[in-house]
Amino acid sequence: MEWIKLEDAAQLQELKKRSEERPVLIFKHSTRCSISSMALERLRRNWKIEDFDKVTPYYLDLINYRDISNLIAREFEVFHQSPQVILVKDGKAFYDTSHMGISYPDIMSRI
């Protein structure tokens, strides 16, 4: 699975613009959390190549980029959690979940 890494706050404007064409998935990952690692691995294992035609995936290492994580929470009006998946369409979050609620089939059913 190839993620677009979120490493600069300016990328959020690009992300919003992309979400006008197709949904965007943001995965906020804590590299210090085993639950986060497990959720990330489940997404990677289940991801299909054709999913790139349905959704654009972004990855945020929130330990190294906590300021971007906080900005995401404000911009998309979601409570900060980790791990967390946020789905964005037309510049607005329309779904978010965290921890054991992160489920590939559930995410794909909402796209």
PDB file of N, CA and C in Angstrom:
ATOM      1  N   MET A   1       0.849  -1.182   0.000  1.00  0.00           N
ATOM      2  CA  MET A   1       0.000   0.000   0.000  1.00  0.00           C
ATOM      3  C   MET A   1       0.887   1.235   0.000  1.00  0.00           C
ATOM      4  N   GLU A   2       0.625   2.140  -0.899  1.00  0.00           N
ATOM      5  CA  GLU A   2       1.402   3.368  -0.991  1.00  0.00           C
ATOM      6  C   GLU A   2       0.604   4.532  -0.417  1.00  0.00           C
ATOM      7  N   TRP A   3       1.144   5.105   0.636  1.00  0.00           N
ATOM      8  CA  TRP A   3       0.511   6.231   1.301  1.00  0.00           C
ATOM      9  C   TRP A   3       1.152   7.525   0.826  1.00  0.00           C
ATOM     10  N   ILE A   4       0.380   8.593   0.853  1.00  0.00           N
ATOM     11  CA  ILE A   4       0.945   9.930   0.715  1.00  0.00           C
ATOM     12  C   ILE A   4       1.224  10.385   2.140  1.00  0.00           C
ATOM     13  N   LYS A   5       2.474  10.667   2.437  1.00  0.00           N
ATOM     14  CA  LYS A   5       2.833  11.061   3.801  1.00  0.00           C
ATOM     15  C   LYS A   5       2.486  12.528   4.038  1.00  0.00           C
ATOM     16  N   LEU A   6       1.797  12.772   5.147  1.00  0.00           N
ATOM     17  CA  LEU A   6       1.489  14.138   5.574  1.00  0.00           C
ATOM     18  C   LEU A   6       2.641  14.612   6.450  1.00  0.00           C
ATOM     19  N   GLU A   7       3.401  15.571   5.941  1.00  0.00           N
ATOM     20  CA  GLU A   7       4.561  16.062   6.676  1.00  0.00           C
ATOM     21  C   GLU A   7       4.626  17.585   6.722  1.00  0.00           C
ATOM     22  N   ASP A   8       3.626  18.231   6.118  1.00  0.00           N
ATOM     23  CA  ASP A   8       3.612  19.682   6.057  1.00  0.00           C
ATOM     24  C   ASP A   8       2.157  20.154   6.129  1.00  0.00           C
ATOM     25  N   ALA A   9       1.919  21.144   6.944  1.00  0.00           N
ATOM     26  CA  ALA A   9       0.554  21.650   7.121  1.00  0.00           C
ATOM     27  C   ALA A   9      -0.055  22.135   5.808  1.00  0.00           C
ATOM     28  N   ALA A  10       0.770  22.620   4.893  1.00  0.00           N
ATOM     29  CA  ALA A  10       0.269  23.106   3.604  1.00  0.00           C
ATOM     30  C   ALA A  10      -0.374  21.984   2.789  1.00  0.00           C
ATOM     31  N   GLN A  11      -0.017  20.738   3.064  1.00  0.00           N
ATOM     32  CA  GLN A  11      -0.600  19.611   2.341  1.00  0.00           C
ATOM     33  C   GLN A  11      -2.098  19.468   2.605  1.00  0.00           C
ATOM     34  N   LEU A  12      -2.591  20.035   3.696  1.00  0.00           N
ATOM     35  CA  LEU A  12      -4.017  19.909   3.995  1.00  0.00           C
ATOM     36  C   LEU A  12      -4.876  20.588   2.930  1.00  0.00           C
ATOM     37  N   GLN A  13      -4.384  21.668   2.357  1.00  0.00           N
ATOM     38  CA  GLN A  13      -5.142  22.321   1.283  1.00  0.00           C
ATOM     39  C   GLN A  13      -5.178  21.432   0.043  1.00  0.00           C
ATOM     40  N   GLU A  14      -4.059  20.791  -0.262  1.00  0.00           N
ATOM     41  CA  GLU A  14      -3.997  19.838  -1.381  1.00  0.00           C
ATOM     42  C   GLU A  14      -4.947  18.672  -1.121  1.00  0.00           C
ATOM     43  N   LEU A  15      -4.942  18.177   0.108  1.00  0.00           N
ATOM     44  CA  LEU A  15      -5.812  17.064   0.498  1.00  0.00           C
ATOM     45  C   LEU A  15      -7.284  17.443   0.295  1.00  0.00           C
ATOM     46  N   LYS A  16      -7.659  18.631   0.747  1.00  0.00           N
ATOM     47  CA  LYS A  16      -9.048  19.088   0.584  1.00  0.00           C
ATOM     48  C   LYS A  16      -9.422  19.177  -0.891  1.00  0.00           C
ATOM     49  N   LYS A  17      -8.509  19.689  -1.701  1.00  0.00           N
ATOM     50  CA  LYS A  17      -8.774  19.811  -3.140  1.00  0.00           C
ATOM     51  C   LYS A  17      -8.943  18.426  -3.767  1.00  0.00           C
ATOM     52  N   ARG A  18      -8.085  17.483  -3.412  1.00  0.00           N
ATOM     53  CA  ARG A  18      -8.210  16.112  -3.929  1.00  0.00           C
ATOM     54  C   ARG A  18      -9.542  15.491  -3.533  1.00  0.00           C
ATOM     55  N   SER A  19     -10.017  15.855  -2.349  1.00  0.00           N
ATOM     56  CA  SER A  19     -11.265  15.258  -1.860  1.00  0.00           C
ATOM     57  C   SER A  19     -12.479  15.715  -2.668  1.00  0.00           C
ATOM     58  N   GLU A  20     -12.306  16.712  -3.513  1.00  0.00           N
ATOM     59  CA  GLU A  20     -13.391  17.140  -4.396  1.00  0.00           C
ATOM     60  C   GLU A  20     -13.549  16.176  -5.570  1.00  0.00           C
ATOM     61  N   GLU A  21     -12.480  15.435  -5.882  1.00  0.00           N
ATOM     62  CA  GLU A  21     -12.508  14.470  -6.986  1.00  0.00           C
ATOM     63  C   GLU A  21     -12.920  13.077  -6.520  1.00  0.00           C
ATOM     64  N   ARG A  22     -12.391  12.671  -5.371  1.00  0.00           N
ATOM     65  CA  ARG A  22     -12.745  11.384  -4.771  1.00  0.00           C
ATOM     66  C   ARG A  22     -12.398  11.451  -3.289  1.00  0.00           C
ATOM     67  N   PRO A  23     -12.983  10.562  -2.486  1.00  0.00           N
ATOM     68  CA  PRO A  23     -12.721  10.613  -1.045  1.00  0.00           C
ATOM     69  C   PRO A  23     -11.238  10.447  -0.714  1.00  0.00           C
ATOM     70  N   VAL A  24     -10.876  11.017   0.413  1.00  0.00           N
ATOM     71  CA  VAL A  24      -9.518  10.929   0.944  1.00  0.00           C
ATOM     72  C   VAL A  24      -9.597  10.235   2.296  1.00  0.00           C
ATOM     73  N   LEU A  25      -8.656   9.342   2.547  1.00  0.00           N
ATOM     74  CA  LEU A  25      -8.547   8.659   3.832  1.00  0.00           C
ATOM     75  C   LEU A  25      -7.303   9.193   4.532  1.00  0.00           C
ATOM     76  N   ILE A  26      -7.460   9.627   5.765  1.00  0.00           N
ATOM     77  CA  ILE A  26      -6.316  10.028   6.593  1.00  0.00           C
ATOM     78  C   ILE A  26      -6.168   8.978   7.683  1.00  0.00           C
ATOM     79  N   PHE A  27      -4.981   8.372   7.768  1.00  0.00           N
ATOM     80  CA  PHE A  27      -4.691   7.446   8.857  1.00  0.00           C
ATOM     81  C   PHE A  27      -3.680   8.120   9.771  1.00  0.00           C
ATOM     82  N   LYS A  28      -4.101   8.401  11.007  1.00  0.00           N
ATOM     83  CA  LYS A  28      -3.221   9.003  12.006  1.00  0.00           C
ATOM     84  C   LYS A  28      -2.644   7.877  12.855  1.00  0.00           C
ATOM     85  N   HIS A  29      -1.329   7.746  12.797  1.00  0.00           N
ATOM     86  CA  HIS A  29      -0.636   6.613  13.408  1.00  0.00           C
ATOM     87  C   HIS A  29       0.320   7.063  14.504  1.00  0.00           C
ATOM     88  N   SER A  30       0.231   6.382  15.643  1.00  0.00           N
ATOM     89  CA  SER A  30       1.208   6.569  16.709  1.00  0.00           C
ATOM     90  C   SER A  30       2.199   5.420  16.639  1.00  0.00           C
ATOM     91  N   THR A  31       3.441   5.743  16.345  1.00  0.00           N
ATOM     92  CA  THR A  31       4.479   4.718  16.225  1.00  0.00           C
ATOM     93  C   THR A  31       4.824   4.092  17.577  1.00  0.00           C
ATOM     94  N   ARG A  32       4.281   4.623  18.655  1.00  0.00           N
ATOM     95  CA  ARG A  32       4.544   4.089  20.001  1.00  0.00           C
ATOM     96  C   ARG A  32       3.412   3.213  20.527  1.00  0.00           C
ATOM     97  N   CYS A  33       2.388   3.000  19.707  1.00  0.00           N
ATOM     98  CA  CYS A  33       1.184   2.316  20.182  1.00  0.00           C
ATOM     99  C   CYS A  33       0.976   1.009  19.428  1.00  0.00           C
ATOM    100  N   SER A  34       0.867  -0.087  20.159  1.00  0.00           N
ATOM    101  CA  SER A  34       0.681  -1.394  19.517  1.00  0.00           C
ATOM    102  C   SER A  34      -0.687  -1.503  18.840  1.00  0.00           C
ATOM    103  N   ILE A  35      -1.708  -0.874  19.393  1.00  0.00           N
ATOM    104  CA  ILE A  35      -3.032  -0.902  18.760  1.00  0.00           C
ATOM    105  C   ILE A  35      -2.973  -0.167  17.419  1.00  0.00           C
ATOM    106  N   SER A  36      -2.262   0.947  17.388  1.00  0.00           N
ATOM    107  CA  SER A  36      -2.113   1.703  16.153  1.00  0.00           C
ATOM    108  C   SER A  36      -1.369   0.875  15.106  1.00  0.00           C
ATOM    109  N   SER A  37      -0.317   0.199  15.520  1.00  0.00           N
ATOM    110  CA  SER A  37       0.445  -0.658  14.596  1.00  0.00           C
ATOM    111  C   SER A  37      -0.420  -1.786  14.061  1.00  0.00           C
ATOM    112  N   MET A  38      -1.249  -2.358  14.915  1.00  0.00           N
ATOM    113  CA  MET A  38      -2.134  -3.443  14.498  1.00  0.00           C
ATOM    114  C   MET A  38      -3.179  -2.931  13.494  1.00  0.00           C
ATOM    115  N   ALA A  39      -3.763  -1.766  13.760  1.00  0.00           N
ATOM    116  CA  ALA A  39      -4.761  -1.196  12.848  1.00  0.00           C
ATOM    117  C   ALA A  39      -4.133  -0.884  11.490  1.00  0.00           C
ATOM    118  N   LEU A  40      -2.932  -0.338  11.503  1.00  0.00           N
ATOM    119  CA  LEU A  40      -2.227  -0.036  10.260  1.00  0.00           C
ATOM    120  C   LEU A  40      -1.950  -1.315   9.473  1.00  0.00           C
ATOM    121  N   GLU A  41      -1.495  -2.342  10.147  1.00  0.00           N
ATOM    122  CA  GLU A  41      -1.199  -3.616   9.479  1.00  0.00           C
ATOM    123  C   GLU A  41      -2.464  -4.247   8.895  1.00  0.00           C
ATOM    124  N   ARG A  42      -3.580  -4.155   9.608  1.00  0.00           N
ATOM    125  CA  ARG A  42      -4.846  -4.694   9.072  1.00  0.00           C
ATOM    126  C   ARG A  42      -5.251  -3.970   7.792  1.00  0.00           C
ATOM    127  N   LEU A  43      -5.082  -2.656   7.769  1.00  0.00           N
ATOM    128  CA  LEU A  43      -5.402  -1.908   6.548  1.00  0.00           C
ATOM    129  C   LEU A  43      -4.477  -2.321   5.408  1.00  0.00           C
ATOM    130  N   ARG A  44      -3.195  -2.409   5.686  1.00  0.00           N
ATOM    131  CA  ARG A  44      -2.227  -2.807   4.653  1.00  0.00           C
ATOM    132  C   ARG A  44      -2.536  -4.190   4.093  1.00  0.00           C
ATOM    133  N   ARG A  45      -2.850  -5.126   4.962  1.00  0.00           N
ATOM    134  CA  ARG A  45      -3.126  -6.510   4.546  1.00  0.00           C
ATOM    135  C   ARG A  45      -4.369  -6.614   3.666  1.00  0.00           C
ATOM    136  N   ASN A  46      -5.373  -5.818   3.960  1.00  0.00           N
ATOM    137  CA  ASN A  46      -6.647  -5.906   3.247  1.00  0.00           C
ATOM    138  C   ASN A  46      -6.738  -5.013   2.015  1.00  0.00           C
ATOM    139  N   TRP A  47      -5.860  -4.036   1.916  1.00  0.00           N
ATOM    140  CA  TRP A  47      -5.923  -3.065   0.828  1.00  0.00           C
ATOM    141  C   TRP A  47      -5.754  -3.761  -0.522  1.00  0.00           C
ATOM    142  N   LYS A  48      -6.569  -3.362  -1.470  1.00  0.00           N
ATOM    143  CA  LYS A  48      -6.496  -3.910  -2.828  1.00  0.00           C
ATOM    144  C   LYS A  48      -6.020  -2.810  -3.779  1.00  0.00           C
ATOM    145  N   ILE A  49      -5.285  -3.199  -4.783  1.00  0.00           N
ATOM    146  CA  ILE A  49      -4.727  -2.235  -5.730  1.00  0.00           C
ATOM    147  C   ILE A  49      -5.810  -1.352  -6.349  1.00  0.00           C
ATOM    148  N   GLU A  50      -6.982  -1.932  -6.607  1.00  0.00           N
ATOM    149  CA  GLU A  50      -8.065  -1.157  -7.223  1.00  0.00           C
ATOM    150  C   GLU A  50      -8.674  -0.128  -6.266  1.00  0.00           C
ATOM    151  N   ASP A  51      -8.357  -0.224  -4.976  1.00  0.00           N
ATOM    152  CA  ASP A  51      -8.869   0.755  -4.012  1.00  0.00           C
ATOM    153  C   ASP A  51      -8.317   2.155  -4.272  1.00  0.00           C
ATOM    154  N   PHE A  52      -7.146   2.230  -4.919  1.00  0.00           N
ATOM    155  CA  PHE A  52      -6.575   3.540  -5.234  1.00  0.00           C
ATOM    156  C   PHE A  52      -7.463   4.325  -6.196  1.00  0.00           C
ATOM    157  N   ASP A  53      -8.330   3.622  -6.937  1.00  0.00           N
ATOM    158  CA  ASP A  53      -9.275   4.301  -7.829  1.00  0.00           C
ATOM    159  C   ASP A  53     -10.465   4.872  -7.067  1.00  0.00           C
ATOM    160  N   LYS A  54     -10.657   4.428  -5.825  1.00  0.00           N
ATOM    161  CA  LYS A  54     -11.822   4.824  -5.029  1.00  0.00           C
ATOM    162  C   LYS A  54     -11.499   5.863  -3.966  1.00  0.00           C
ATOM    163  N   VAL A  55     -10.267   5.830  -3.457  1.00  0.00           N
ATOM    164  CA  VAL A  55      -9.903   6.677  -2.321  1.00  0.00           C
ATOM    165  C   VAL A  55      -8.402   6.976  -2.369  1.00  0.00           C
ATOM    166  N   THR A  56      -8.036   8.178  -1.930  1.00  0.00           N
ATOM    167  CA  THR A  56      -6.628   8.564  -1.859  1.00  0.00           C
ATOM    168  C   THR A  56      -6.183   8.476  -0.400  1.00  0.00           C
ATOM    169  N   PRO A  57      -5.214   7.590  -0.080  1.00  0.00           N
ATOM    170  CA  PRO A  57      -4.804   7.405   1.312  1.00  0.00           C
ATOM    171  C   PRO A  57      -3.625   8.295   1.734  1.00  0.00           C
ATOM    172  N   TYR A  58      -3.801   8.958   2.859  1.00  0.00           N
ATOM    173  CA  TYR A  58      -2.747   9.759   3.473  1.00  0.00           C
ATOM    174  C   TYR A  58      -2.378   9.135   4.817  1.00  0.00           C
ATOM    175  N   TYR A  59      -1.100   9.257   5.168  1.00  0.00           N
ATOM    176  CA  TYR A  59      -0.565   8.698   6.410  1.00  0.00           C
ATOM    177  C   TYR A  59       0.076   9.827   7.207  1.00  0.00           C
ATOM    178  N   LEU A  60      -0.263   9.897   8.487  1.00  0.00           N
ATOM    179  CA  LEU A  60       0.342  10.892   9.372  1.00  0.00           C
ATOM    180  C   LEU A  60       0.990  10.196  10.557  1.00  0.00           C
ATOM    181  N   ASP A  61       2.293  10.389  10.711  1.00  0.00           N
ATOM    182  CA  ASP A  61       3.020   9.943  11.900  1.00  0.00           C
ATOM    183  C   ASP A  61       2.821  11.044  12.937  1.00  0.00           C
ATOM    184  N   LEU A  62       1.867  10.821  13.835  1.00  0.00           N
ATOM    185  CA  LEU A  62       1.510  11.926  14.724  1.00  0.00           C
ATOM    186  C   LEU A  62       2.516  12.156  15.843  1.00  0.00           C
ATOM    187  N   ILE A  63       3.435  11.233  16.052  1.00  0.00           N
ATOM    188  CA  ILE A  63       4.494  11.495  17.034  1.00  0.00           C
ATOM    189  C   ILE A  63       5.425  12.587  16.494  1.00  0.00           C
ATOM    190  N   ASN A  64       5.791  12.478  15.228  1.00  0.00           N
ATOM    191  CA  ASN A  64       6.691  13.459  14.621  1.00  0.00           C
ATOM    192  C   ASN A  64       5.977  14.706  14.119  1.00  0.00           C
ATOM    193  N   TYR A  65       4.667  14.608  13.897  1.00  0.00           N
ATOM    194  CA  TYR A  65       3.917  15.727  13.317  1.00  0.00           C
ATOM    195  C   TYR A  65       2.646  16.004  14.116  1.00  0.00           C
ATOM    196  N   ARG A  66       2.798  16.139  15.412  1.00  0.00           N
ATOM    197  CA  ARG A  66       1.647  16.363  16.291  1.00  0.00           C
ATOM    198  C   ARG A  66       0.922  17.663  15.943  1.00  0.00           C
ATOM    199  N   ASP A  67       1.675  18.674  15.519  1.00  0.00           N
ATOM    200  CA  ASP A  67       1.042  19.942  15.151  1.00  0.00           C
ATOM    201  C   ASP A  67       0.091  19.763  13.967  1.00  0.00           C
ATOM    202  N   ILE A  68       0.449  18.903  13.020  1.00  0.00           N
ATOM    203  CA  ILE A  68      -0.438  18.636  11.880  1.00  0.00           C
ATOM    204  C   ILE A  68      -1.663  17.857  12.353  1.00  0.00           C
ATOM    205  N   SER A  69      -1.456  16.936  13.282  1.00  0.00           N
ATOM    206  CA  SER A  69      -2.578  16.176  13.840  1.00  0.00           C
ATOM    207  C   SER A  69      -3.580  17.117  14.514  1.00  0.00           C
ATOM    208  N   ASN A  70      -3.077  18.062  15.276  1.00  0.00           N
ATOM    209  CA  ASN A  70      -3.953  19.043  15.928  1.00  0.00           C
ATOM    210  C   ASN A  70      -4.680  19.908  14.898  1.00  0.00           C
ATOM    211  N   LEU A  71      -3.976  20.271  13.841  1.00  0.00           N
ATOM    212  CA  LEU A  71      -4.582  21.064  12.775  1.00  0.00           C
ATOM    213  C   LEU A  71      -5.692  20.275  12.076  1.00  0.00           C
ATOM    214  N   ILE A  72      -5.463  18.985  11.843  1.00  0.00           N
ATOM    215  CA  ILE A  72      -6.490  18.122  11.239  1.00  0.00           C
ATOM    216  C   ILE A  72      -7.739  18.103  12.113  1.00  0.00           C
ATOM    217  N   ALA A  73      -7.539  17.962  13.422  1.00  0.00           N
ATOM    218  CA  ALA A  73      -8.679  17.942  14.347  1.00  0.00           C
ATOM    219  C   ALA A  73      -9.496  19.229  14.224  1.00  0.00           C
ATOM    220  N   ARG A  74      -8.807  20.366  14.151  1.00  0.00           N
ATOM    221  CA  ARG A  74      -9.508  21.655  14.020  1.00  0.00           C
ATOM    222  C   ARG A  74     -10.152  21.818  12.642  1.00  0.00           C
ATOM    223  N   GLU A  75      -9.383  21.559  11.598  1.00  0.00           N
ATOM    224  CA  GLU A  75      -9.870  21.760  10.220  1.00  0.00           C
ATOM    225  C   GLU A  75     -11.091  20.903   9.896  1.00  0.00           C
ATOM    226  N   PHE A  76     -11.075  19.653  10.381  1.00  0.00           N
ATOM    227  CA  PHE A  76     -12.142  18.725  10.021  1.00  0.00           C
ATOM    228  C   PHE A  76     -13.140  18.495  11.154  1.00  0.00           C
ATOM    229  N   GLU A  77     -12.963  19.245  12.243  1.00  0.00           N
ATOM    230  CA  GLU A  77     -13.884  19.210  13.380  1.00  0.00           C
ATOM    231  C   GLU A  77     -14.097  17.791  13.904  1.00  0.00           C
ATOM    232  N   VAL A  78     -12.974  17.114  14.155  1.00  0.00           N
ATOM    233  CA  VAL A  78     -13.011  15.780  14.753  1.00  0.00           C
ATOM    234  C   VAL A  78     -12.163  15.801  16.013  1.00  0.00           C
ATOM    235  N   PHE A  79     -12.526  14.972  16.960  1.00  0.00           N
ATOM    236  CA  PHE A  79     -11.777  14.840  18.198  1.00  0.00           C
ATOM    237  C   PHE A  79     -10.484  14.095  17.897  1.00  0.00           C
ATOM    238  N   HIS A  80      -9.344  14.592  18.384  1.00  0.00           N
ATOM    239  CA  HIS A  80      -8.055  13.933  18.151  1.00  0.00           C
ATOM    240  C   HIS A  80      -8.011  12.573  18.842  1.00  0.00           C
ATOM    241  N   GLN A  81      -7.680  11.543  18.074  1.00  0.00           N
ATOM    242  CA  GLN A  81      -7.486  10.204  18.624  1.00  0.00           C
ATOM    243  C   GLN A  81      -6.342   9.537  17.874  1.00  0.00           C
ATOM    244  N   SER A  82      -5.858   8.439  18.438  1.00  0.00           N
ATOM    245  CA  SER A  82      -4.807   7.672  17.778  1.00  0.00           C
ATOM    246  C   SER A  82      -4.886   6.222  18.231  1.00  0.00           C
ATOM    247  N   PRO A  83      -4.897   5.321  17.279  1.00  0.00           N
ATOM    248  CA  PRO A  83      -4.945   5.544  15.838  1.00  0.00           C
ATOM    249  C   PRO A  83      -6.313   6.088  15.447  1.00  0.00           C
ATOM    250  N   GLN A  84      -6.359   6.700  14.285  1.00  0.00           N
ATOM    251  CA  GLN A  84      -7.622   7.280  13.824  1.00  0.00           C
ATOM    252  C   GLN A  84      -7.676   7.267  12.304  1.00  0.00           C
ATOM    253  N   VAL A  85      -8.851   6.972  11.780  1.00  0.00           N
ATOM    254  CA  VAL A  85      -9.130   7.090  10.349  1.00  0.00           C
ATOM    255  C   VAL A  85     -10.177   8.177  10.179  1.00  0.00           C
ATOM    256  N   ILE A  86      -9.906   9.086   9.252  1.00  0.00           N
ATOM    257  CA  ILE A  86     -10.848  10.145   8.908  1.00  0.00           C
ATOM    258  C   ILE A  86     -11.066  10.072   7.400  1.00  0.00           C
ATOM    259  N   LEU A  87     -12.321  10.051   6.986  1.00  0.00           N
ATOM    260  CA  LEU A  87     -12.655  10.101   5.565  1.00  0.00           C
ATOM    261  C   LEU A  87     -13.139  11.506   5.236  1.00  0.00           C
ATOM    262  N   VAL A  88     -12.608  12.061   4.149  1.00  0.00           N
ATOM    263  CA  VAL A  88     -12.901  13.436   3.751  1.00  0.00           C
ATOM    264  C   VAL A  88     -13.447  13.440   2.325  1.00  0.00           C
ATOM    265  N   LYS A  89     -14.522  14.175   2.124  1.00  0.00           N
ATOM    266  CA  LYS A  89     -15.110  14.357   0.785  1.00  0.00           C
ATOM    267  C   LYS A  89     -15.545  15.811   0.675  1.00  0.00           C
ATOM    268  N   ASP A  90     -15.230  16.431  -0.452  1.00  0.00           N
ATOM    269  CA  ASP A  90     -15.573  17.841  -0.683  1.00  0.00           C
ATOM    270  C   ASP A  90     -15.072  18.747   0.439  1.00  0.00           C
ATOM    271  N   GLY A  91     -13.876  18.425   0.948  1.00  0.00           N
ATOM    272  CA  GLY A  91     -13.238  19.262   1.956  1.00  0.00           C
ATOM    273  C   GLY A  91     -13.750  19.101   3.371  1.00  0.00           C
ATOM    274  N   LYS A  92     -14.663  18.151   3.599  1.00  0.00           N
ATOM    275  CA  LYS A  92     -15.243  17.962   4.936  1.00  0.00           C
ATOM    276  C   LYS A  92     -15.142  16.502   5.367  1.00  0.00           C
ATOM    277  N   ALA A  93     -14.896  16.309   6.652  1.00  0.00           N
ATOM    278  CA  ALA A  93     -14.885  14.950   7.198  1.00  0.00           C
ATOM    279  C   ALA A  93     -16.316  14.427   7.221  1.00  0.00           C
ATOM    280  N   PHE A  94     -16.505  13.214   6.719  1.00  0.00           N
ATOM    281  CA  PHE A  94     -17.845  12.621   6.776  1.00  0.00           C
ATOM    282  C   PHE A  94     -17.860  11.339   7.594  1.00  0.00           C
ATOM    283  N   TYR A  95     -16.687  10.929   8.076  1.00  0.00           N
ATOM    284  CA  TYR A  95     -16.609   9.715   8.899  1.00  0.00           C
ATOM    285  C   TYR A  95     -15.281   9.727   9.629  1.00  0.00           C
ATOM    286  N   ASP A  96     -15.306   9.318  10.888  1.00  0.00           N
ATOM    287  CA  ASP A  96     -14.048   9.063  11.587  1.00  0.00           C
ATOM    288  C   ASP A  96     -14.268   7.967  12.614  1.00  0.00           C
ATOM    289  N   THR A  97     -13.212   7.224  12.848  1.00  0.00           N
ATOM    290  CA  THR A  97     -13.243   6.137  13.822  1.00  0.00           C
ATOM    291  C   THR A  97     -11.840   5.942  14.369  1.00  0.00           C
ATOM    292  N   SER A  98     -11.744   5.207  15.452  1.00  0.00           N
ATOM    293  CA  SER A  98     -10.427   5.014  16.053  1.00  0.00           C
ATOM    294  C   SER A  98     -10.313   3.637  16.694  1.00  0.00           C
ATOM    295  N   HIS A  99      -9.101   3.336  17.084  1.00  0.00           N
ATOM    296  CA  HIS A  99      -8.748   2.115  17.801  1.00  0.00           C
ATOM    297  C   HIS A  99      -9.307   0.869  17.118  1.00  0.00           C
ATOM    298  N   MET A 100     -10.014   0.032  17.846  1.00  0.00           N
ATOM    299  CA  MET A 100     -10.510  -1.228  17.294  1.00  0.00           C
ATOM    300  C   MET A 100     -11.689  -1.023  16.343  1.00  0.00           C
ATOM    301  N   GLY A 101     -12.190   0.196  16.254  1.00  0.00           N
ATOM    302  CA  GLY A 101     -13.254   0.503  15.304  1.00  0.00           C
ATOM    303  C   GLY A 101     -12.748   0.639  13.871  1.00  0.00           C
ATOM    304  N   ILE A 102     -11.429   0.681  13.702  1.00  0.00           N
ATOM    305  CA  ILE A 102     -10.850   0.800  12.361  1.00  0.00           C
ATOM    306  C   ILE A 102     -10.967  -0.542  11.658  1.00  0.00           C
ATOM    307  N   SER A 103     -11.806  -0.572  10.639  1.00  0.00           N
ATOM    308  CA  SER A 103     -12.110  -1.811   9.924  1.00  0.00           C
ATOM    309  C   SER A 103     -12.113  -1.538   8.423  1.00  0.00           C
ATOM    310  N   TYR A 104     -11.290  -2.261   7.695  1.00  0.00           N
ATOM    311  CA  TYR A 104     -11.227  -2.093   6.243  1.00  0.00           C
ATOM    312  C   TYR A 104     -12.599  -2.239   5.580  1.00  0.00           C
ATOM    313  N   PRO A 105     -13.353  -3.326   5.855  1.00  0.00           N
ATOM    314  CA  PRO A 105     -14.666  -3.446   5.205  1.00  0.00           C
ATOM    315  C   PRO A 105     -15.596  -2.270   5.538  1.00  0.00           C
ATOM    316  N   ASP A 106     -15.563  -1.815   6.787  1.00  0.00           N
ATOM    317  CA  ASP A 106     -16.409  -0.691   7.185  1.00  0.00           C
ATOM    318  C   ASP A 106     -16.003   0.581   6.442  1.00  0.00           C
ATOM    319  N   ILE A 107     -14.711   0.843   6.376  1.00  0.00           N
ATOM    320  CA  ILE A 107     -14.218   2.034   5.675  1.00  0.00           C
ATOM    321  C   ILE A 107     -14.643   1.997   4.212  1.00  0.00           C
ATOM    322  N   MET A 108     -14.413   0.870   3.554  1.00  0.00           N
ATOM    323  CA  MET A 108     -14.707   0.779   2.120  1.00  0.00           C
ATOM    324  C   MET A 108     -16.211   0.838   1.843  1.00  0.00           C
ATOM    325  N   SER A 109     -17.021   0.405   2.788  1.00  0.00           N
ATOM    326  CA  SER A 109     -18.476   0.471   2.589  1.00  0.00           C
ATOM    327  C   SER A 109     -18.987   1.911   2.633  1.00  0.00           C
ATOM    328  N   ARG A 110     -18.211   2.816   3.195  1.00  0.00           N
ATOM    329  CA  ARG A 110     -18.626   4.219   3.324  1.00  0.00           C
ATOM    330  C   ARG A 110     -18.155   5.086   2.161  1.00  0.00           C
ATOM    331  N   ILE A 111     -17.351   4.506   1.300  1.00  0.00           N
ATOM    332  CA  ILE A 111     -16.785   5.270   0.175  1.00  0.00           C
ATOM    333  C   ILE A 111     -17.673   5.146  -1.048  1.00  0.00           C
TER     334      ILE A 111
END
